[in-house]
């Protein structure tokens, strides 16, 4: 099993705090890793939010992909 790093741990903690379900969380984390997207950039994005939905996360991932 792969260890998670501190950035990933913070992302998971914040997503949990915002009420994002575990299946969506796994999808977000898997996409960040598989697409080799900058986890720190995603962390900065969610840290700046006062509320967060899975749609917000999906939109951000699309932006990070350059789409």
N, C-alpha and C. Protein backbone atom coordinates (compact mmCIF):
# COMPACT_ATOMS: atom_id res chain seq x y z
N UNK A 1 0.83 -1.17 0.00
CA UNK A 1 0.00 0.00 0.00
C UNK A 1 0.88 1.24 0.00
N UNK A 2 0.49 2.21 -0.79
CA UNK A 2 1.25 3.44 -0.91
C UNK A 2 0.95 4.37 0.27
N UNK A 3 1.99 4.98 0.81
CA UNK A 3 1.81 5.96 1.88
C UNK A 3 1.33 7.27 1.29
N UNK A 4 0.51 7.99 2.07
CA UNK A 4 0.10 9.31 1.62
C UNK A 4 1.02 10.35 2.23
N UNK A 5 1.26 11.39 1.45
CA UNK A 5 2.15 12.45 1.94
C UNK A 5 1.35 13.49 2.73
N UNK A 6 2.05 14.46 3.28
CA UNK A 6 1.41 15.46 4.14
C UNK A 6 0.39 16.31 3.37
N UNK A 7 0.69 16.66 2.13
CA UNK A 7 -0.25 17.44 1.32
C UNK A 7 -1.52 16.64 1.08
N UNK A 8 -1.39 15.39 0.73
CA UNK A 8 -2.55 14.53 0.52
C UNK A 8 -3.36 14.40 1.80
N UNK A 9 -2.69 14.27 2.92
CA UNK A 9 -3.36 14.16 4.22
C UNK A 9 -4.19 15.42 4.50
N UNK A 10 -3.62 16.59 4.21
CA UNK A 10 -4.33 17.85 4.42
C UNK A 10 -5.54 17.96 3.49
N UNK A 11 -5.37 17.55 2.23
CA UNK A 11 -6.48 17.59 1.28
C UNK A 11 -7.62 16.71 1.78
N UNK A 12 -7.30 15.49 2.18
CA UNK A 12 -8.31 14.56 2.67
C UNK A 12 -9.02 15.13 3.89
N UNK A 13 -8.27 15.70 4.81
CA UNK A 13 -8.85 16.28 6.02
C UNK A 13 -9.82 17.41 5.67
N UNK A 14 -9.41 18.31 4.78
CA UNK A 14 -10.27 19.43 4.39
C UNK A 14 -11.50 18.96 3.63
N UNK A 15 -11.33 18.01 2.72
CA UNK A 15 -12.48 17.48 1.99
C UNK A 15 -13.48 16.87 2.97
N UNK A 16 -12.98 16.16 3.95
CA UNK A 16 -13.84 15.58 4.98
C UNK A 16 -14.57 16.67 5.75
N UNK A 17 -13.85 17.72 6.13
CA UNK A 17 -14.46 18.84 6.85
C UNK A 17 -15.58 19.50 6.05
N UNK A 18 -15.43 19.53 4.73
CA UNK A 18 -16.45 20.12 3.87
C UNK A 18 -17.59 19.15 3.55
N UNK A 19 -17.49 17.93 4.06
CA UNK A 19 -18.57 16.96 3.88
C UNK A 19 -18.53 16.22 2.55
N UNK A 20 -17.39 16.23 1.89
CA UNK A 20 -17.24 15.47 0.64
C UNK A 20 -17.18 13.98 1.00
N UNK A 21 -18.00 13.17 0.33
CA UNK A 21 -18.05 11.74 0.66
C UNK A 21 -16.76 11.02 0.26
N UNK A 22 -16.54 9.88 0.85
CA UNK A 22 -15.28 9.15 0.67
C UNK A 22 -15.08 8.65 -0.76
N UNK A 23 -16.13 8.28 -1.43
CA UNK A 23 -16.00 7.82 -2.83
C UNK A 23 -15.52 8.99 -3.71
N UNK A 24 -16.12 10.16 -3.52
CA UNK A 24 -15.69 11.34 -4.28
C UNK A 24 -14.27 11.72 -3.92
N UNK A 25 -13.96 11.62 -2.62
CA UNK A 25 -12.61 11.93 -2.15
C UNK A 25 -11.57 11.04 -2.85
N UNK A 26 -11.90 9.75 -2.92
CA UNK A 26 -11.00 8.80 -3.57
C UNK A 26 -10.83 9.15 -5.04
N UNK A 27 -11.90 9.57 -5.69
CA UNK A 27 -11.83 9.97 -7.09
C UNK A 27 -10.97 11.19 -7.29
N UNK A 28 -11.12 12.16 -6.41
CA UNK A 28 -10.31 13.38 -6.48
C UNK A 28 -8.85 13.05 -6.30
N UNK A 29 -8.54 12.29 -5.26
CA UNK A 29 -7.14 11.97 -4.97
C UNK A 29 -6.54 11.12 -6.09
N UNK A 30 -7.31 10.18 -6.59
CA UNK A 30 -6.83 9.34 -7.69
C UNK A 30 -6.56 10.13 -8.95
N UNK A 31 -7.45 11.08 -9.24
CA UNK A 31 -7.28 11.91 -10.44
C UNK A 31 -6.06 12.81 -10.30
N UNK A 32 -5.89 13.42 -9.14
CA UNK A 32 -4.71 14.27 -8.94
C UNK A 32 -3.43 13.47 -9.18
N UNK A 33 -3.40 12.25 -8.64
CA UNK A 33 -2.20 11.43 -8.79
C UNK A 33 -2.03 10.91 -10.22
N UNK A 34 -3.10 10.36 -10.77
CA UNK A 34 -3.03 9.76 -12.10
C UNK A 34 -2.71 10.79 -13.18
N UNK A 35 -3.27 11.98 -13.06
CA UNK A 35 -3.05 13.03 -14.05
C UNK A 35 -1.78 13.84 -13.74
N UNK A 36 -1.12 13.48 -12.64
CA UNK A 36 0.10 14.17 -12.21
C UNK A 36 -0.14 15.68 -12.05
N UNK A 37 -1.27 16.00 -11.40
CA UNK A 37 -1.63 17.40 -11.17
C UNK A 37 -1.00 17.87 -9.86
N UNK A 38 -0.80 19.15 -9.75
CA UNK A 38 -0.12 19.72 -8.59
C UNK A 38 -1.04 19.69 -7.37
N UNK A 39 -0.71 18.83 -6.41
CA UNK A 39 -1.52 18.68 -5.21
C UNK A 39 -1.51 19.94 -4.35
N UNK A 40 -0.38 20.64 -4.32
CA UNK A 40 -0.31 21.88 -3.54
C UNK A 40 -1.24 22.94 -4.11
N UNK A 41 -1.35 23.00 -5.41
CA UNK A 41 -2.26 23.95 -6.05
C UNK A 41 -3.70 23.62 -5.68
N UNK A 42 -4.04 22.34 -5.69
CA UNK A 42 -5.40 21.95 -5.32
C UNK A 42 -5.66 22.24 -3.84
N UNK A 43 -4.67 21.99 -3.00
CA UNK A 43 -4.79 22.29 -1.57
C UNK A 43 -5.02 23.79 -1.37
N UNK A 44 -4.26 24.63 -2.05
CA UNK A 44 -4.45 26.08 -1.95
C UNK A 44 -5.86 26.48 -2.36
N UNK A 45 -6.38 25.83 -3.39
CA UNK A 45 -7.74 26.10 -3.86
C UNK A 45 -8.76 25.80 -2.77
N UNK A 46 -8.67 24.62 -2.16
CA UNK A 46 -9.70 24.27 -1.17
C UNK A 46 -9.51 25.02 0.15
N UNK A 47 -8.28 25.39 0.46
CA UNK A 47 -8.04 26.17 1.68
C UNK A 47 -8.66 27.56 1.59
N UNK A 48 -8.82 28.06 0.38
CA UNK A 48 -9.36 29.41 0.19
C UNK A 48 -10.89 29.44 0.22
N UNK A 49 -11.52 28.29 0.32
CA UNK A 49 -12.98 28.21 0.25
C UNK A 49 -13.62 28.25 1.64
N UNK A 50 -14.82 28.85 1.70
CA UNK A 50 -15.61 28.80 2.93
C UNK A 50 -16.66 27.70 2.84
N UNK A 51 -16.99 27.31 1.61
CA UNK A 51 -17.85 26.15 1.36
C UNK A 51 -17.31 25.47 0.11
N UNK A 52 -17.60 24.17 0.00
CA UNK A 52 -17.03 23.41 -1.12
C UNK A 52 -17.97 22.28 -1.48
N UNK A 53 -18.17 22.10 -2.79
CA UNK A 53 -18.97 20.98 -3.28
C UNK A 53 -18.09 20.12 -4.19
N UNK A 54 -18.57 18.94 -4.50
CA UNK A 54 -17.84 18.07 -5.41
C UNK A 54 -17.76 18.73 -6.79
N UNK A 55 -18.76 19.51 -7.15
CA UNK A 55 -18.74 20.22 -8.43
C UNK A 55 -17.62 21.25 -8.47
N UNK A 56 -17.40 21.94 -7.34
CA UNK A 56 -16.28 22.89 -7.26
C UNK A 56 -14.96 22.17 -7.49
N UNK A 57 -14.82 21.00 -6.87
CA UNK A 57 -13.58 20.22 -7.00
C UNK A 57 -13.39 19.76 -8.44
N UNK A 58 -14.46 19.28 -9.04
CA UNK A 58 -14.40 18.81 -10.43
C UNK A 58 -14.01 19.96 -11.37
N UNK A 59 -14.65 21.12 -11.17
CA UNK A 59 -14.32 22.28 -12.00
C UNK A 59 -12.85 22.67 -11.86
N UNK A 60 -12.35 22.64 -10.63
CA UNK A 60 -10.94 22.99 -10.40
C UNK A 60 -10.00 21.99 -11.08
N UNK A 61 -10.33 20.72 -10.98
CA UNK A 61 -9.49 19.69 -11.63
C UNK A 61 -9.47 19.92 -13.14
N UNK A 62 -10.62 20.25 -13.73
CA UNK A 62 -10.67 20.54 -15.17
C UNK A 62 -9.78 21.73 -15.50
N UNK A 63 -9.85 22.78 -14.66
CA UNK A 63 -8.99 23.95 -14.88
C UNK A 63 -7.52 23.57 -14.77
N UNK A 64 -7.19 22.73 -13.82
CA UNK A 64 -5.80 22.31 -13.64
C UNK A 64 -5.30 21.49 -14.82
N UNK A 65 -6.20 20.77 -15.45
CA UNK A 65 -5.86 19.99 -16.64
C UNK A 65 -5.66 20.88 -17.85
N UNK A 66 -6.13 22.13 -17.75
CA UNK A 66 -6.01 23.05 -18.86
C UNK A 66 -7.17 22.99 -19.82
N UNK A 67 -8.26 22.44 -19.37
CA UNK A 67 -9.45 22.31 -20.24
C UNK A 67 -10.40 23.47 -20.07
